[in-house]
Each structure stands twice: as C-alpha cells, then as structure tokens.
Amino acid sequence: MDLDSEFTEAFIESRLTRTECAAFLGVDKSTLRRWLNGEGNQAKKGFIEALRMVAGYTPRLSNRGKQFHGWRFRNGMLFTDEGMGFTPEQIRSIWHIDQLLKSQEREIRELQALLQTMRENYAPKLPDNVILFSDYAS
C-alpha cells in the first residue's frame, strides 16, 4: 500500500472529522486537505501511526510488535487481527492459567519420578524360571 493510501485509510479509520484530525495532528486544515489529496508525503509519514492508534489499533513497535499488527482496541476489549476479542480480565487470567499449568507440569514430573523409583525399588522379584505374559506379547 502506498503512503497516500495508507494515510487516507488511517484517517478514515480514525473516525475523526477533518477539523478534529488537523487539531489532533497539530496542523492546519489546509495541510490535512493537501495530505489527503496526495501531497506532502514525507511530512505525513510520521502521523499515520498516530491516526491508527486513534482508530484503536495497537502501535507498531519495531520488529517486536509485528505479531500484533492488525490488533485493535474496541469497546474495552482487545481484538486480534482474526477478530477474537478479549476482555482485560481474560488477558489477566492468562498469566494465572500459565502459572497453574506450570505447577501441574512440575507435579506430574515429580510423580513420574516417584513412580519410577517405586518400580525400581519395590517391584516384586520373580524367580528366573517364571515367564511373564508380557514376554510373549512383544
């Protein structure tokens, strides 16, 4: 997408009037009109991200923010670029769920180690002449 189209799209998505947009960007209305008509490319380049943020998009933060490109804030929720919405409570709960899962994974590993120890130390010792069914199954 070229710079003119990107600026115009950001302006439309911001839902600001021309007067509001010019005031927000700190430029004269005639400057905004020229930018929307395709003039002054370099000058408007820095304002596209500001208009996108007004529209509710998350800012692009160098390469680290690329995975959030297209995400938006709307009606108190964060929406992915696929349209899945999350409330602040749901986002906060992700950390708690992650901690719970890590705790359960640790507990499973400890129980597996205990079970292995029990198998090694407490398995019945059978005489050598006893044949187990599992020996035939494999």
N, C-alpha and C. Protein backbone atom coordinates (compact mmCIF):
# COMPACT_ATOMS: atom_id res chain seq x y z
N MET A 1 0.86 -1.18 0.00
CA MET A 1 0.00 0.00 0.00
C MET A 1 0.90 1.24 0.00
N ASP A 2 0.59 2.19 -0.86
CA ASP A 2 1.42 3.39 -0.92
C ASP A 2 1.10 4.33 0.24
N LEU A 3 1.97 5.29 0.45
CA LEU A 3 1.87 6.20 1.59
C LEU A 3 0.57 7.00 1.56
N ASP A 4 0.15 7.47 0.39
CA ASP A 4 -1.09 8.25 0.29
C ASP A 4 -2.29 7.41 0.73
N SER A 5 -2.36 6.20 0.21
CA SER A 5 -3.48 5.32 0.56
C SER A 5 -3.46 4.97 2.04
N GLU A 6 -2.26 4.71 2.56
CA GLU A 6 -2.14 4.35 3.98
C GLU A 6 -2.59 5.50 4.88
N PHE A 7 -2.20 6.72 4.52
CA PHE A 7 -2.62 7.88 5.31
C PHE A 7 -4.13 8.07 5.24
N THR A 8 -4.68 7.99 4.05
CA THR A 8 -6.13 8.17 3.88
C THR A 8 -6.89 7.09 4.63
N GLU A 9 -6.42 5.85 4.56
CA GLU A 9 -7.08 4.76 5.28
C GLU A 9 -7.03 4.99 6.79
N ALA A 10 -5.87 5.43 7.28
CA ALA A 10 -5.73 5.71 8.71
C ALA A 10 -6.66 6.84 9.13
N PHE A 11 -6.79 7.87 8.29
CA PHE A 11 -7.70 8.98 8.58
C PHE A 11 -9.14 8.48 8.66
N ILE A 12 -9.56 7.69 7.70
CA ILE A 12 -10.94 7.18 7.68
C ILE A 12 -11.21 6.31 8.89
N GLU A 13 -10.26 5.41 9.21
CA GLU A 13 -10.45 4.52 10.35
C GLU A 13 -10.44 5.26 11.68
N SER A 14 -9.80 6.42 11.73
CA SER A 14 -9.76 7.18 12.98
C SER A 14 -11.12 7.75 13.34
N ARG A 15 -11.99 7.86 12.34
CA ARG A 15 -13.34 8.41 12.51
C ARG A 15 -13.33 9.86 13.04
N LEU A 16 -12.22 10.54 12.83
CA LEU A 16 -12.14 11.95 13.20
C LEU A 16 -12.65 12.80 12.04
N THR A 17 -13.23 13.93 12.37
CA THR A 17 -13.56 14.88 11.31
C THR A 17 -12.26 15.52 10.84
N ARG A 18 -12.32 16.21 9.72
CA ARG A 18 -11.09 16.88 9.24
C ARG A 18 -10.60 17.91 10.25
N THR A 19 -11.52 18.61 10.86
CA THR A 19 -11.15 19.62 11.87
C THR A 19 -10.50 18.94 13.08
N GLU A 20 -11.11 17.85 13.56
CA GLU A 20 -10.56 17.12 14.71
C GLU A 20 -9.20 16.53 14.38
N CYS A 21 -9.08 15.98 13.18
CA CYS A 21 -7.83 15.36 12.76
C CYS A 21 -6.72 16.40 12.67
N ALA A 22 -7.00 17.52 12.05
CA ALA A 22 -5.99 18.57 11.93
C ALA A 22 -5.55 19.05 13.31
N ALA A 23 -6.50 19.22 14.22
CA ALA A 23 -6.16 19.65 15.58
C ALA A 23 -5.34 18.58 16.30
N PHE A 24 -5.73 17.32 16.14
CA PHE A 24 -5.01 16.23 16.78
C PHE A 24 -3.57 16.16 16.28
N LEU A 25 -3.38 16.32 14.98
CA LEU A 25 -2.04 16.24 14.39
C LEU A 25 -1.25 17.54 14.53
N GLY A 26 -1.94 18.62 14.95
CA GLY A 26 -1.27 19.90 15.13
C GLY A 26 -0.91 20.58 13.82
N VAL A 27 -1.76 20.37 12.80
CA VAL A 27 -1.53 21.00 11.50
C VAL A 27 -2.77 21.80 11.11
N ASP A 28 -2.61 22.66 10.13
CA ASP A 28 -3.73 23.44 9.61
C ASP A 28 -4.64 22.54 8.78
N LYS A 29 -5.93 22.89 8.71
CA LYS A 29 -6.87 22.08 7.92
C LYS A 29 -6.45 22.02 6.46
N SER A 30 -5.87 23.09 5.95
CA SER A 30 -5.44 23.08 4.54
C SER A 30 -4.29 22.09 4.33
N THR A 31 -3.43 21.94 5.34
CA THR A 31 -2.34 20.95 5.25
C THR A 31 -2.93 19.55 5.21
N LEU A 32 -3.91 19.30 6.09
CA LEU A 32 -4.55 17.99 6.11
C LEU A 32 -5.21 17.71 4.76
N ARG A 33 -5.89 18.71 4.20
CA ARG A 33 -6.55 18.54 2.91
C ARG A 33 -5.53 18.17 1.83
N ARG A 34 -4.35 18.84 1.83
CA ARG A 34 -3.31 18.53 0.86
C ARG A 34 -2.81 17.10 1.05
N TRP A 35 -2.61 16.69 2.30
CA TRP A 35 -2.14 15.33 2.57
C TRP A 35 -3.14 14.30 2.07
N LEU A 36 -4.43 14.57 2.29
CA LEU A 36 -5.47 13.64 1.84
C LEU A 36 -5.57 13.62 0.32
N ASN A 37 -5.11 14.70 -0.33
CA ASN A 37 -5.11 14.77 -1.79
C ASN A 37 -3.81 14.25 -2.40
N GLY A 38 -2.92 13.70 -1.57
CA GLY A 38 -1.72 13.07 -2.09
C GLY A 38 -0.48 13.93 -2.11
N GLU A 39 -0.49 15.07 -1.45
CA GLU A 39 0.69 15.93 -1.42
C GLU A 39 1.41 15.78 -0.08
N GLY A 40 2.69 16.14 -0.06
CA GLY A 40 3.45 16.18 1.20
C GLY A 40 3.71 14.82 1.82
N ASN A 41 4.16 13.88 1.02
CA ASN A 41 4.35 12.51 1.51
C ASN A 41 5.21 12.40 2.76
N GLN A 42 6.39 12.99 2.74
CA GLN A 42 7.30 12.83 3.87
C GLN A 42 6.73 13.44 5.14
N ALA A 43 6.05 14.56 5.04
CA ALA A 43 5.52 15.22 6.22
C ALA A 43 4.47 14.38 6.92
N LYS A 44 3.61 13.71 6.16
CA LYS A 44 2.51 12.95 6.77
C LYS A 44 2.92 11.56 7.23
N LYS A 45 4.08 11.10 6.80
CA LYS A 45 4.51 9.74 7.11
C LYS A 45 4.50 9.46 8.61
N GLY A 46 4.98 10.39 9.41
CA GLY A 46 5.05 10.20 10.86
C GLY A 46 3.70 10.22 11.55
N PHE A 47 2.67 10.69 10.88
CA PHE A 47 1.36 10.81 11.53
C PHE A 47 0.46 9.59 11.32
N ILE A 48 0.84 8.70 10.41
CA ILE A 48 -0.02 7.55 10.11
C ILE A 48 -0.23 6.70 11.35
N GLU A 49 0.86 6.44 12.08
CA GLU A 49 0.75 5.59 13.27
C GLU A 49 -0.14 6.24 14.34
N ALA A 50 -0.04 7.54 14.49
CA ALA A 50 -0.89 8.24 15.46
C ALA A 50 -2.36 8.09 15.10
N LEU A 51 -2.70 8.21 13.82
CA LEU A 51 -4.08 8.04 13.39
C LEU A 51 -4.54 6.60 13.58
N ARG A 52 -3.65 5.65 13.34
CA ARG A 52 -4.01 4.24 13.55
C ARG A 52 -4.32 3.98 15.03
N MET A 53 -3.57 4.62 15.91
CA MET A 53 -3.82 4.44 17.34
C MET A 53 -5.16 5.06 17.73
N VAL A 54 -5.51 6.20 17.14
CA VAL A 54 -6.82 6.80 17.40
C VAL A 54 -7.92 5.85 16.96
N ALA A 55 -7.66 5.12 15.86
CA ALA A 55 -8.64 4.17 15.35
C ALA A 55 -8.74 2.93 16.23
N GLY A 56 -7.81 2.79 17.18
CA GLY A 56 -7.87 1.67 18.10
C GLY A 56 -6.87 0.57 17.82
N TYR A 57 -6.04 0.74 16.80
CA TYR A 57 -5.02 -0.27 16.51
C TYR A 57 -3.89 -0.17 17.51
N THR A 58 -3.24 -1.29 17.77
CA THR A 58 -2.06 -1.26 18.62
C THR A 58 -0.92 -0.67 17.81
N PRO A 59 -0.02 0.05 18.48
CA PRO A 59 1.09 0.65 17.72
C PRO A 59 2.05 -0.40 17.21
N ARG A 60 2.69 -0.10 16.11
CA ARG A 60 3.74 -0.98 15.57
C ARG A 60 5.03 -0.60 16.28
N LEU A 61 5.56 -1.51 17.04
CA LEU A 61 6.76 -1.23 17.81
C LEU A 61 7.93 -2.00 17.23
N SER A 62 8.59 -1.41 16.28
CA SER A 62 9.71 -2.02 15.57
C SER A 62 9.36 -3.45 15.15
N ASN A 63 10.33 -4.31 15.05
CA ASN A 63 10.07 -5.69 14.63
C ASN A 63 9.37 -6.49 15.71
N ARG A 64 9.57 -6.12 16.98
CA ARG A 64 8.97 -6.88 18.08
C ARG A 64 7.46 -6.76 18.09
N GLY A 65 6.90 -5.70 17.53
CA GLY A 65 5.47 -5.51 17.54
C GLY A 65 4.75 -6.05 16.33
N LYS A 66 5.48 -6.63 15.39
CA LYS A 66 4.86 -7.08 14.15
C LYS A 66 3.80 -8.15 14.37
N GLN A 67 3.96 -8.99 15.39
CA GLN A 67 2.97 -10.04 15.63
C GLN A 67 1.64 -9.45 16.08
N PHE A 68 1.62 -8.16 16.47
CA PHE A 68 0.37 -7.53 16.88
C PHE A 68 -0.22 -6.64 15.79
N HIS A 69 0.36 -6.66 14.61
CA HIS A 69 -0.15 -5.84 13.51
C HIS A 69 -1.60 -6.23 13.22
N GLY A 70 -2.47 -5.26 13.19
CA GLY A 70 -3.88 -5.52 12.91
C GLY A 70 -4.74 -5.70 14.16
N TRP A 71 -4.12 -5.81 15.33
CA TRP A 71 -4.90 -5.91 16.56
C TRP A 71 -5.49 -4.54 16.87
N ARG A 72 -6.68 -4.54 17.50
CA ARG A 72 -7.36 -3.27 17.79
C ARG A 72 -7.97 -3.29 19.18
N PHE A 73 -8.11 -2.10 19.75
CA PHE A 73 -8.89 -1.92 20.96
C PHE A 73 -10.25 -1.38 20.54
N ARG A 74 -11.32 -2.01 21.02
CA ARG A 74 -12.67 -1.54 20.70
C ARG A 74 -13.60 -1.95 21.83
N ASN A 75 -14.39 -1.02 22.30
CA ASN A 75 -15.39 -1.28 23.35
C ASN A 75 -14.79 -1.95 24.57
N GLY A 76 -13.61 -1.50 24.97
CA GLY A 76 -12.97 -2.03 26.17
C GLY A 76 -12.38 -3.42 26.01
N MET A 77 -12.24 -3.89 24.77
CA MET A 77 -11.68 -5.22 24.52
C MET A 77 -10.53 -5.11 23.54
N LEU A 78 -9.64 -6.09 23.58
CA LEU A 78 -8.55 -6.19 22.62
C LEU A 78 -8.92 -7.27 21.61
N PHE A 79 -8.93 -6.91 20.32
CA PHE A 79 -9.30 -7.84 19.26
C PHE A 79 -8.08 -8.20 18.44
N THR A 80 -7.93 -9.49 18.15
CA THR A 80 -6.84 -9.95 17.29
C THR A 80 -7.17 -9.58 15.85
N ASP A 81 -6.20 -9.76 14.98
CA ASP A 81 -6.44 -9.49 13.57
C ASP A 81 -7.41 -10.51 12.98
N GLU A 82 -7.67 -11.63 13.70
CA GLU A 82 -8.66 -12.61 13.25
C GLU A 82 -10.04 -12.34 13.82
N GLY A 83 -10.17 -11.29 14.67
CA GLY A 83 -11.47 -10.91 15.20
C GLY A 83 -11.82 -11.51 16.56
N MET A 84 -10.89 -12.23 17.19
CA MET A 84 -11.16 -12.77 18.53
C MET A 84 -10.98 -11.65 19.54
N GLY A 85 -11.98 -11.45 20.40
CA GLY A 85 -11.93 -10.37 21.38
C GLY A 85 -11.65 -10.88 22.78
N PHE A 86 -10.88 -10.10 23.55
CA PHE A 86 -10.53 -10.45 24.91
C PHE A 86 -10.78 -9.28 25.84
N THR A 87 -11.42 -9.55 26.97
CA THR A 87 -11.61 -8.53 27.99
C THR A 87 -10.32 -8.40 28.79
N PRO A 88 -10.15 -7.30 29.54
CA PRO A 88 -8.96 -7.19 30.40
C PRO A 88 -8.86 -8.35 31.40
N GLU A 89 -10.01 -8.80 31.92
CA GLU A 89 -10.00 -9.91 32.88
C GLU A 89 -9.48 -11.19 32.23
N GLN A 90 -9.88 -11.44 30.99
CA GLN A 90 -9.40 -12.64 30.29
C GLN A 90 -7.90 -12.56 30.05
N ILE A 91 -7.41 -11.39 29.70
CA ILE A 91 -5.99 -11.22 29.45
C ILE A 91 -5.21 -11.43 30.75
N ARG A 92 -5.70 -10.85 31.86
CA ARG A 92 -5.04 -11.05 33.15
C ARG A 92 -5.04 -12.51 33.56
N SER A 93 -6.11 -13.23 33.27
CA SER A 93 -6.22 -14.62 33.69
C SER A 93 -5.23 -15.53 32.95
N ILE A 94 -4.75 -15.11 31.79
CA ILE A 94 -3.80 -15.94 31.03
C ILE A 94 -2.56 -16.22 31.86
N TRP A 95 -2.04 -15.22 32.56
CA TRP A 95 -0.85 -15.42 33.39
C TRP A 95 -1.14 -16.44 34.49
N HIS A 96 -2.29 -16.31 35.14
CA HIS A 96 -2.64 -17.23 36.22
C HIS A 96 -2.80 -18.66 35.71
N ILE A 97 -3.42 -18.81 34.56
CA ILE A 97 -3.58 -20.14 33.96
C ILE A 97 -2.21 -20.73 33.62
N ASP A 98 -1.33 -19.91 33.08
CA ASP A 98 0.01 -20.36 32.74
C ASP A 98 0.75 -20.84 33.99
N GLN A 99 0.64 -20.10 35.09
CA GLN A 99 1.29 -20.50 36.34
C GLN A 99 0.72 -21.80 36.87
N LEU A 100 -0.60 -21.96 36.77
CA LEU A 100 -1.24 -23.20 37.22
C LEU A 100 -0.76 -24.38 36.39
N LEU A 101 -0.68 -24.21 35.08
CA LEU A 101 -0.20 -25.29 34.20
C LEU A 101 1.25 -25.66 34.52
N LYS A 102 2.10 -24.66 34.74
CA LYS A 102 3.50 -24.94 35.08
C LYS A 102 3.59 -25.71 36.39
N SER A 103 2.76 -25.34 37.35
CA SER A 103 2.75 -26.03 38.64
C SER A 103 2.31 -27.48 38.46
N GLN A 104 1.28 -27.70 37.66
CA GLN A 104 0.80 -29.07 37.42
C GLN A 104 1.82 -29.89 36.65
N GLU A 105 2.52 -29.27 35.71
CA GLU A 105 3.57 -29.98 34.97
C GLU A 105 4.69 -30.41 35.92
N ARG A 106 5.08 -29.53 36.86
CA ARG A 106 6.10 -29.89 37.85
C ARG A 106 5.63 -31.06 38.70
N GLU A 107 4.37 -31.01 39.12
CA GLU A 107 3.83 -32.08 39.95
C GLU A 107 3.80 -33.41 39.17
N ILE A 108 3.45 -33.36 37.92
CA ILE A 108 3.43 -34.58 37.09
C ILE A 108 4.84 -35.16 36.98
N ARG A 109 5.83 -34.30 36.73
CA ARG A 109 7.22 -34.79 36.64
C ARG A 109 7.67 -35.42 37.95
N GLU A 110 7.30 -34.81 39.08
CA GLU A 110 7.67 -35.36 40.40
C GLU A 110 7.00 -36.71 40.62
N LEU A 111 5.73 -36.81 40.24
CA LEU A 111 5.02 -38.09 40.41
C LEU A 111 5.59 -39.18 39.49
N GLN A 112 5.98 -38.79 38.27
CA GLN A 112 6.59 -39.76 37.37
C GLN A 112 7.91 -40.26 37.94
N ALA A 113 8.70 -39.36 38.52
CA ALA A 113 9.97 -39.76 39.12
C ALA A 113 9.72 -40.68 40.31
N LEU A 114 8.72 -40.37 41.12
CA LEU A 114 8.38 -41.21 42.27
C LEU A 114 7.92 -42.59 41.81
N LEU A 115 7.11 -42.64 40.78
CA LEU A 115 6.64 -43.91 40.25
C LEU A 115 7.81 -44.75 39.73
N GLN A 116 8.73 -44.11 39.02
CA GLN A 116 9.90 -44.83 38.52
C GLN A 116 10.73 -45.39 39.68
N THR A 117 10.91 -44.60 40.72
CA THR A 117 11.64 -45.07 41.91
C THR A 117 10.93 -46.25 42.55
N MET A 118 9.61 -46.15 42.65
CA MET A 118 8.85 -47.25 43.24
C MET A 118 8.97 -48.52 42.40
N ARG A 119 8.93 -48.38 41.09
CA ARG A 119 9.07 -49.55 40.21
C ARG A 119 10.43 -50.21 40.40
N GLU A 120 11.46 -49.38 40.50
CA GLU A 120 12.81 -49.90 40.64
C GLU A 120 13.05 -50.54 42.01
N ASN A 121 12.51 -49.91 43.05
CA ASN A 121 12.82 -50.37 44.41
C ASN A 121 11.82 -51.37 44.98
N TYR A 122 10.59 -51.34 44.51
CA TYR A 122 9.56 -52.16 45.13
C TYR A 122 8.93 -53.18 44.20
N ALA A 123 9.47 -53.34 43.01
CA ALA A 123 8.92 -54.34 42.08
C ALA A 123 9.19 -55.73 42.65
N PRO A 124 8.22 -56.60 42.57
CA PRO A 124 8.44 -57.95 43.11
C PRO A 124 9.55 -58.65 42.33
N LYS A 125 10.38 -59.33 43.04
CA LYS A 125 11.46 -60.09 42.42
C LYS A 125 10.94 -61.50 42.15
N LEU A 126 10.82 -61.82 40.89
CA LEU A 126 10.30 -63.13 40.49
C LEU A 126 11.47 -64.08 40.24
N PRO A 127 11.25 -65.33 40.49
CA PRO A 127 12.29 -66.30 40.17
C PRO A 127 12.57 -66.29 38.66
N ASP A 128 13.78 -66.70 38.30
CA ASP A 128 14.20 -66.68 36.90
C ASP A 128 13.38 -67.62 36.03
N ASN A 129 12.80 -68.67 36.60
CA ASN A 129 12.06 -69.63 35.80
C ASN A 129 10.61 -69.22 35.54
N VAL A 130 10.17 -68.04 36.04
CA VAL A 130 8.81 -67.55 35.81
C VAL A 130 8.77 -66.80 34.50
N ILE A 131 7.80 -67.15 33.64
CA ILE A 131 7.65 -66.49 32.34
C ILE A 131 6.43 -65.59 32.44
N LEU A 132 6.61 -64.33 32.09
CA LEU A 132 5.53 -63.36 32.14
C LEU A 132 4.81 -63.33 30.80
N PHE A 133 3.53 -63.07 30.85
CA PHE A 133 2.74 -62.96 29.61
C PHE A 133 3.28 -61.85 28.71
N SER A 134 3.75 -60.75 29.32
CA SER A 134 4.26 -59.62 28.52
C SER A 134 5.47 -60.04 27.70
N ASP A 135 6.19 -61.09 28.10
CA ASP A 135 7.33 -61.55 27.31
C ASP A 135 6.86 -62.13 25.97
N TYR A 136 5.67 -62.70 25.94
CA TYR A 136 5.12 -63.27 24.70
C TYR A 136 4.45 -62.23 23.83
N ALA A 137 3.97 -61.15 24.45
CA ALA A 137 3.22 -60.13 23.72
C ALA A 137 4.12 -59.31 22.82
N SER A 138 5.38 -59.21 23.11
CA SER A 138 6.25 -58.35 22.29
C SER A 138 6.97 -59.09 21.21
